[in-house]
Amino acid sequence: MAARASAGVACGERELIITRLLDAPRDLVFQAWTRPDYLVRWWGPADFSVTACEIDFRAGGAWRTCLRSPDGRDFWLHGVYRRIVAPERLDFTCEADDERGNLRVEELITVLLAEQGGKTKLTLHIHFGWLAADVATLDPMEASWNQSLDRLAAHALRGRSTAK
């Protein structure tokens, strides 16, 4: 049910756009982005796990997750939901701090979900507020987001029902 049907990536100086066609209904894909029980199944790069996930799902509400790397290091991410148009759009911030609490990553993320022949076209816009002009810096972020979306397609949507 969740196999990736298509993917595309475009990079700008401070922006990354990734498009996927997911073999799942739009309501289910929206839930995967907004419910902790779904998010813990796919958020983060390959081989990472989510050890904490808190979501206050409303415009102005905060979210926070902890990603654990395969070597046991924890990476805390947090942000605020800026705009929610269920089930078609999410705008939120994503920030990551270093060990001392200093901001090291700042992203503004827009998730667009469109029905397409019983599937969901997902378009992910990531604007990097911290990124230097070097477009090559996008490579690790692009890989990380693509791995997360691979996990979304392979695990989070498989066998799930929209009824709850």
C-alpha atoms as a PDB file:
ATOM      1  CA  MET A   1       0.000   0.000   0.000  1.00  0.00           C
ATOM      2  CA  ALA A   2       2.771   2.448   0.745  1.00  0.00           C
ATOM      3  CA  ALA A   3       5.298   1.919  -2.026  1.00  0.00           C
ATOM      4  CA  ARG A   4       6.874   5.014  -3.511  1.00  0.00           C
ATOM      5  CA  ALA A   5       5.477   5.588  -6.969  1.00  0.00           C
ATOM      6  CA  SER A   6       7.495   8.627  -7.934  1.00  0.00           C
ATOM      7  CA  ALA A   7       9.939  11.103  -6.521  1.00  0.00           C
ATOM      8  CA  GLY A   8      11.441  14.376  -7.571  1.00  0.00           C
ATOM      9  CA  VAL A   9      13.825  16.839  -5.994  1.00  0.00           C
ATOM     10  CA  ALA A  10      14.615  20.436  -6.832  1.00  0.00           C
ATOM     11  CA  CYS A  11      17.169  22.549  -4.980  1.00  0.00           C
ATOM     12  CA  GLY A  12      17.352  26.300  -4.750  1.00  0.00           C
ATOM     13  CA  GLU A  13      19.948  28.409  -2.969  1.00  0.00           C
ATOM     14  CA  ARG A  14      18.158  28.114   0.377  1.00  0.00           C
ATOM     15  CA  GLU A  15      15.276  25.794  -0.476  1.00  0.00           C
ATOM     16  CA  LEU A  16      14.712  22.122  -1.068  1.00  0.00           C
ATOM     17  CA  ILE A  17      11.564  20.790  -2.758  1.00  0.00           C
ATOM     18  CA  ILE A  18      10.788  17.067  -2.744  1.00  0.00           C
ATOM     19  CA  THR A  19       7.757  15.521  -4.441  1.00  0.00           C
ATOM     20  CA  ARG A  20       6.453  11.997  -3.894  1.00  0.00           C
ATOM     21  CA  LEU A  21       3.387  10.067  -5.000  1.00  0.00           C
ATOM     22  CA  LEU A  22       2.326   7.868  -2.081  1.00  0.00           C
ATOM     23  CA  ASP A  23       0.026   4.889  -2.489  1.00  0.00           C
ATOM     24  CA  ALA A  24      -2.224   5.921   0.398  1.00  0.00           C
ATOM     25  CA  PRO A  25      -5.251   8.165   0.911  1.00  0.00           C
ATOM     26  CA  ARG A  26      -4.590  11.812   1.711  1.00  0.00           C
ATOM     27  CA  ASP A  27      -6.288  11.658   5.135  1.00  0.00           C
ATOM     28  CA  LEU A  28      -3.927   8.876   6.198  1.00  0.00           C
ATOM     29  CA  VAL A  29      -0.841  10.732   4.971  1.00  0.00           C
ATOM     30  CA  PHE A  30      -2.019  13.837   6.847  1.00  0.00           C
ATOM     31  CA  GLN A  31      -2.371  11.777  10.032  1.00  0.00           C
ATOM     32  CA  ALA A  32       1.155  10.442   9.563  1.00  0.00           C
ATOM     33  CA  TRP A  33       2.420  14.039   9.805  1.00  0.00           C
ATOM     34  CA  THR A  34       0.214  15.093  12.715  1.00  0.00           C
ATOM     35  CA  ARG A  35      -0.190  12.204  15.160  1.00  0.00           C
ATOM     36  CA  PRO A  36       2.625  11.046  17.458  1.00  0.00           C
ATOM     37  CA  ASP A  37       1.684   7.353  17.062  1.00  0.00           C
ATOM     38  CA  TYR A  38       2.280   7.666  13.316  1.00  0.00           C
ATOM     39  CA  LEU A  39       5.220  10.089  13.415  1.00  0.00           C
ATOM     40  CA  VAL A  40       7.363   7.822  15.601  1.00  0.00           C
ATOM     41  CA  ARG A  41       7.197   5.166  12.875  1.00  0.00           C
ATOM     42  CA  TRP A  42       8.930   7.190  10.160  1.00  0.00           C
ATOM     43  CA  TRP A  43      10.418  10.521  11.279  1.00  0.00           C
ATOM     44  CA  GLY A  44      14.161  10.791  10.783  1.00  0.00           C
ATOM     45  CA  PRO A  45      16.844   9.273   8.584  1.00  0.00           C
ATOM     46  CA  ALA A  46      17.264   5.540   8.016  1.00  0.00           C
ATOM     47  CA  ASP A  47      18.282   3.601  11.141  1.00  0.00           C
ATOM     48  CA  PHE A  48      17.274   6.449  13.482  1.00  0.00           C
ATOM     49  CA  SER A  49      14.496   5.993  16.017  1.00  0.00           C
ATOM     50  CA  VAL A  50      12.161   8.465  17.692  1.00  0.00           C
ATOM     51  CA  THR A  51      12.485   8.194  21.475  1.00  0.00           C
ATOM     52  CA  ALA A  52      10.184  11.106  22.365  1.00  0.00           C
ATOM     53  CA  CYS A  53       7.390  12.853  20.483  1.00  0.00           C
ATOM     54  CA  GLU A  54       5.111  15.603  21.769  1.00  0.00           C
ATOM     55  CA  ILE A  55       2.613  17.411  19.549  1.00  0.00           C
ATOM     56  CA  ASP A  56       0.241  20.264  20.406  1.00  0.00           C
ATOM     57  CA  PHE A  57      -1.504  20.138  17.040  1.00  0.00           C
ATOM     58  CA  ARG A  58      -2.993  23.565  16.474  1.00  0.00           C
ATOM     59  CA  ALA A  59      -1.859  26.771  14.814  1.00  0.00           C
ATOM     60  CA  GLY A  60       0.626  28.242  17.287  1.00  0.00           C
ATOM     61  CA  GLY A  61       1.088  24.872  18.994  1.00  0.00           C
ATOM     62  CA  ALA A  62       4.542  23.450  19.589  1.00  0.00           C
ATOM     63  CA  TRP A  63       6.017  20.063  18.722  1.00  0.00           C
ATOM     64  CA  ARG A  64       9.173  18.334  19.916  1.00  0.00           C
ATOM     65  CA  THR A  65      10.894  15.058  19.041  1.00  0.00           C
ATOM     66  CA  CYS A  66      14.081  13.279  19.943  1.00  0.00           C
ATOM     67  CA  LEU A  67      15.858  11.292  17.239  1.00  0.00           C
ATOM     68  CA  ARG A  68      18.335   8.652  18.349  1.00  0.00           C
ATOM     69  CA  SER A  69      21.126   7.750  15.943  1.00  0.00           C
ATOM     70  CA  PRO A  70      22.364   4.182  15.485  1.00  0.00           C
ATOM     71  CA  ASP A  71      25.372   5.055  17.700  1.00  0.00           C
ATOM     72  CA  GLY A  72      23.080   6.223  20.536  1.00  0.00           C
ATOM     73  CA  ARG A  73      23.379  10.009  20.145  1.00  0.00           C
ATOM     74  CA  ASP A  74      20.202  12.015  20.719  1.00  0.00           C
ATOM     75  CA  PHE A  75      19.145  14.892  18.469  1.00  0.00           C
ATOM     76  CA  TRP A  76      16.306  17.095  19.723  1.00  0.00           C
ATOM     77  CA  LEU A  77      14.123  18.853  17.165  1.00  0.00           C
ATOM     78  CA  HIS A  78      11.330  21.297  17.923  1.00  0.00           C
ATOM     79  CA  GLY A  79       9.117  23.842  16.264  1.00  0.00           C
ATOM     80  CA  VAL A  80       5.770  25.550  16.026  1.00  0.00           C
ATOM     81  CA  TYR A  81       2.819  24.920  13.723  1.00  0.00           C
ATOM     82  CA  ARG A  82       2.170  28.127  11.810  1.00  0.00           C
ATOM     83  CA  ARG A  83      -0.692  27.073   9.535  1.00  0.00           C
ATOM     84  CA  ILE A  84      -2.906  23.993   9.362  1.00  0.00           C
ATOM     85  CA  VAL A  85      -5.386  23.321   6.555  1.00  0.00           C
ATOM     86  CA  ALA A  86      -6.529  19.735   7.118  1.00  0.00           C
ATOM     87  CA  PRO A  87      -5.911  17.498   5.222  1.00  0.00           C
ATOM     88  CA  GLU A  88      -4.060  19.435   2.565  1.00  0.00           C
ATOM     89  CA  ARG A  89      -1.414  21.706   4.098  1.00  0.00           C
ATOM     90  CA  LEU A  90       0.922  22.094   7.071  1.00  0.00           C
ATOM     91  CA  ASP A  91       3.340  24.965   7.663  1.00  0.00           C
ATOM     92  CA  PHE A  92       5.700  24.589  10.602  1.00  0.00           C
ATOM     93  CA  THR A  93       9.140  25.480  11.827  1.00  0.00           C
ATOM     94  CA  CYS A  94      11.820  22.923  12.616  1.00  0.00           C
ATOM     95  CA  GLU A  95      14.828  23.811  14.742  1.00  0.00           C
ATOM     96  CA  ALA A  96      17.687  21.755  16.119  1.00  0.00           C
ATOM     97  CA  ASP A  97      19.989  22.834  18.910  1.00  0.00           C
ATOM     98  CA  ASP A  98      23.504  21.709  19.713  1.00  0.00           C
ATOM     99  CA  GLU A  99      24.546  20.244  23.088  1.00  0.00           C
ATOM    100  CA  ARG A 100      24.793  23.738  24.584  1.00  0.00           C
ATOM    101  CA  GLY A 101      21.329  24.828  23.443  1.00  0.00           C
ATOM    102  CA  ASN A 102      22.618  26.982  20.589  1.00  0.00           C
ATOM    103  CA  LEU A 103      20.495  26.988  17.447  1.00  0.00           C
ATOM    104  CA  ARG A 104      22.291  25.072  14.693  1.00  0.00           C
ATOM    105  CA  VAL A 105      19.506  24.311  12.202  1.00  0.00           C
ATOM    106  CA  GLU A 106      16.428  26.345  11.334  1.00  0.00           C
ATOM    107  CA  GLU A 107      13.919  25.287   8.683  1.00  0.00           C
ATOM    108  CA  LEU A 108      10.503  26.489   7.585  1.00  0.00           C
ATOM    109  CA  ILE A 109       8.597  23.510   6.221  1.00  0.00           C
ATOM    110  CA  THR A 110       5.466  23.371   4.109  1.00  0.00           C
ATOM    111  CA  VAL A 111       3.795  20.029   3.425  1.00  0.00           C
ATOM    112  CA  LEU A 112       1.241  20.010   0.601  1.00  0.00           C
ATOM    113  CA  LEU A 113      -0.989  16.973   0.095  1.00  0.00           C
ATOM    114  CA  ALA A 114      -3.154  16.539  -3.014  1.00  0.00           C
ATOM    115  CA  GLU A 115      -5.379  13.641  -4.006  1.00  0.00           C
ATOM    116  CA  GLN A 116      -4.278  12.066  -7.249  1.00  0.00           C
ATOM    117  CA  GLY A 117      -6.147   9.015  -8.528  1.00  0.00           C
ATOM    118  CA  GLY A 118      -6.659   7.442  -5.095  1.00  0.00           C
ATOM    119  CA  LYS A 119      -3.081   8.224  -4.096  1.00  0.00           C
ATOM    120  CA  THR A 120      -1.501  11.255  -2.450  1.00  0.00           C
ATOM    121  CA  LYS A 121       0.889  13.653  -4.100  1.00  0.00           C
ATOM    122  CA  LEU A 122       3.136  14.986  -1.336  1.00  0.00           C
ATOM    123  CA  THR A 123       5.143  18.129  -2.003  1.00  0.00           C
ATOM    124  CA  LEU A 124       7.610  19.106   0.696  1.00  0.00           C
ATOM    125  CA  HIS A 125       9.088  22.638   0.655  1.00  0.00           C
ATOM    126  CA  ILE A 126      11.966  23.197   3.065  1.00  0.00           C
ATOM    127  CA  HIS A 127      13.432  26.674   3.415  1.00  0.00           C
ATOM    128  CA  PHE A 128      16.744  26.784   5.256  1.00  0.00           C
ATOM    129  CA  GLY A 129      17.028  29.995   7.241  1.00  0.00           C
ATOM    130  CA  TRP A 130      20.541  29.149   8.474  1.00  0.00           C
ATOM    131  CA  LEU A 131      22.046  27.824   5.268  1.00  0.00           C
ATOM    132  CA  ALA A 132      25.037  29.475   3.638  1.00  0.00           C
ATOM    133  CA  ALA A 133      24.886  30.192  -0.065  1.00  0.00           C
ATOM    134  CA  ASP A 134      26.714  26.939  -0.853  1.00  0.00           C
ATOM    135  CA  VAL A 135      24.078  24.739  -2.506  1.00  0.00           C
ATOM    136  CA  ALA A 136      26.257  21.662  -1.845  1.00  0.00           C
ATOM    137  CA  THR A 137      25.309  22.051   1.819  1.00  0.00           C
ATOM    138  CA  LEU A 138      21.846  20.795   0.845  1.00  0.00           C
ATOM    139  CA  ASP A 139      23.144  17.293   0.043  1.00  0.00           C
ATOM    140  CA  PRO A 140      23.017  15.851   3.580  1.00  0.00           C
ATOM    141  CA  MET A 141      19.663  17.517   4.279  1.00  0.00           C
ATOM    142  CA  GLU A 142      18.219  16.220   1.018  1.00  0.00           C
ATOM    143  CA  ALA A 143      19.421  12.703   1.842  1.00  0.00           C
ATOM    144  CA  SER A 144      17.979  12.892   5.352  1.00  0.00           C
ATOM    145  CA  TRP A 145      14.568  14.083   4.167  1.00  0.00           C
ATOM    146  CA  ASN A 146      14.461  11.490   1.385  1.00  0.00           C
ATOM    147  CA  GLN A 147      15.260   8.737   3.896  1.00  0.00           C
ATOM    148  CA  SER A 148      12.447   9.995   6.147  1.00  0.00           C
ATOM    149  CA  LEU A 149      10.001   9.995   3.244  1.00  0.00           C
ATOM    150  CA  ASP A 150      11.165   6.501   2.244  1.00  0.00           C
ATOM    151  CA  ARG A 151      10.332   5.396   5.793  1.00  0.00           C
ATOM    152  CA  LEU A 152       6.963   7.144   5.596  1.00  0.00           C
ATOM    153  CA  ALA A 153       6.107   5.257   2.423  1.00  0.00           C
ATOM    154  CA  ALA A 154       7.452   1.901   3.593  1.00  0.00           C
ATOM    155  CA  HIS A 155       6.403   1.775   7.234  1.00  0.00           C
ATOM    156  CA  ALA A 156       4.094   4.467   8.536  1.00  0.00           C
ATOM    157  CA  LEU A 157       1.344   3.976   5.989  1.00  0.00           C
ATOM    158  CA  ARG A 158       1.461   0.205   5.606  1.00  0.00           C
ATOM    159  CA  GLY A 159      -1.597  -1.540   6.964  1.00  0.00           C
ATOM    160  CA  ARG A 160      -2.918   1.547   8.740  1.00  0.00           C
ATOM    161  CA  SER A 161      -6.554   2.583   8.717  1.00  0.00           C
ATOM    162  CA  THR A 162      -7.903   6.119   8.726  1.00  0.00           C
ATOM    163  CA  ALA A 163     -10.710   5.077  11.069  1.00  0.00           C
ATOM    164  CA  LYS A 164      -9.985   5.829  14.739  1.00  0.00           C
END
